[in-house]
Protein backbone atom coordinates (compact mmCIF):
# COMPACT_ATOMS: atom_id res chain seq x y z
CA MET A 1 -12.32 120.51 167.63
CA THR A 2 -9.20 122.10 169.80
CA GLU A 3 -5.69 122.12 167.49
CA HIS A 4 -3.03 120.80 170.43
CA GLN A 5 0.21 122.86 169.64
CA GLY A 6 2.86 120.70 168.59
CA LEU A 7 6.25 119.70 170.71
CA PRO A 8 8.80 122.33 170.96
CA VAL A 9 10.94 120.39 169.00
CA GLU A 10 11.55 121.45 165.66
CA GLY A 11 9.32 119.20 162.86
CA TYR A 12 6.27 118.56 165.85
CA GLN A 13 3.38 120.46 164.28
CA PRO A 14 0.28 121.27 166.24
CA GLN A 15 -2.34 118.06 166.23
CA SER A 16 -5.59 117.38 166.51
CA ASP A 17 -8.04 116.29 169.73
CA ALA A 18 -8.69 112.86 167.79
CA LYS A 19 -4.61 112.52 166.79
CA VAL A 20 -3.68 113.39 170.66
CA SER A 21 -6.87 111.20 171.96
CA ALA A 22 -5.34 107.78 170.17
CA VAL A 23 -2.09 108.98 171.04
CA ASN A 24 -3.21 108.39 174.53
CA VAL A 25 -3.92 104.92 173.80
CA ASN A 26 -1.84 103.87 172.66
CA LYS A 27 0.18 104.88 175.60
CA ARG A 28 -1.76 103.79 177.99
CA LEU A 29 -1.55 99.89 175.83
CA GLU A 30 2.01 100.25 176.00
CA GLU A 31 2.50 100.97 179.51
CA GLU A 32 0.42 98.11 180.72
CA VAL A 33 2.35 96.03 178.62
CA LEU A 34 5.33 97.22 180.12
CA ARG A 35 3.51 96.65 183.70
CA ARG A 36 3.41 93.08 182.35
CA ILE A 37 6.69 92.60 181.16
CA ASP A 38 7.47 94.64 184.79
CA THR A 39 6.37 91.61 186.17
CA LEU A 40 7.75 88.72 183.79
CA GLU A 41 11.00 90.23 184.99
CA GLN A 42 10.76 89.48 188.58
CA THR A 43 9.19 86.03 187.46
CA PRO A 44 11.95 82.68 188.18
CA GLY A 45 12.62 80.53 184.95
CA VAL A 46 11.91 83.72 182.13
CA ASP A 47 14.59 84.58 179.75
CA ARG A 48 15.66 87.98 180.40
CA ARG A 49 17.12 88.47 177.34
CA TRP A 50 14.60 87.40 175.53
CA LEU A 51 12.19 89.54 177.78
CA ALA A 52 14.77 92.80 176.92
CA ILE A 53 14.65 92.50 172.99
CA GLY A 54 10.89 92.21 173.63
CA LYS A 55 10.69 95.26 175.60
CA THR A 56 12.93 97.23 173.18
CA GLN A 57 10.73 95.92 170.32
CA LEU A 58 7.16 96.86 171.97
CA GLU A 59 8.86 100.45 172.83
CA GLN A 60 9.84 100.64 169.31
CA ALA A 61 6.58 99.53 167.94
CA PHE A 62 4.72 101.78 169.44
CA MET A 63 7.03 105.09 168.97
CA ALA A 64 6.76 104.04 164.70
CA ILE A 65 2.43 103.80 165.83
CA ASN A 66 1.82 107.08 167.57
CA ARG A 67 5.22 108.89 164.69
CA ALA A 68 2.43 107.39 162.58
CA ILE A 69 0.05 108.74 163.90
CA PHE A 70 1.59 112.91 164.01
CA GLN A 71 3.48 112.00 161.36
CA PRO A 72 6.90 114.76 162.33
CA ALA A 73 8.16 116.47 158.99
CA ARG A 74 11.92 116.83 158.42
CA ILE A 75 13.49 119.92 159.50
CA ASN A 76 15.74 122.29 157.69
CA LEU A 77 18.93 122.60 158.13
């Protein structure tokens, strides 16, 4: 099993192939839904305010899910 180097950001550790693969699947799913939202933004009669709220919460959800997988640590100050 390959271990991928962590991001060059404090708190991010090397990641396994399985974890990288899982996050890549999530990124594809997120992109599919974001493209649907892009289409809805151009649709007459759609409340763009609620759509923006939904988009933001969707982005936050995927960030939280991916963070659960990668488990970045707190850093020492």
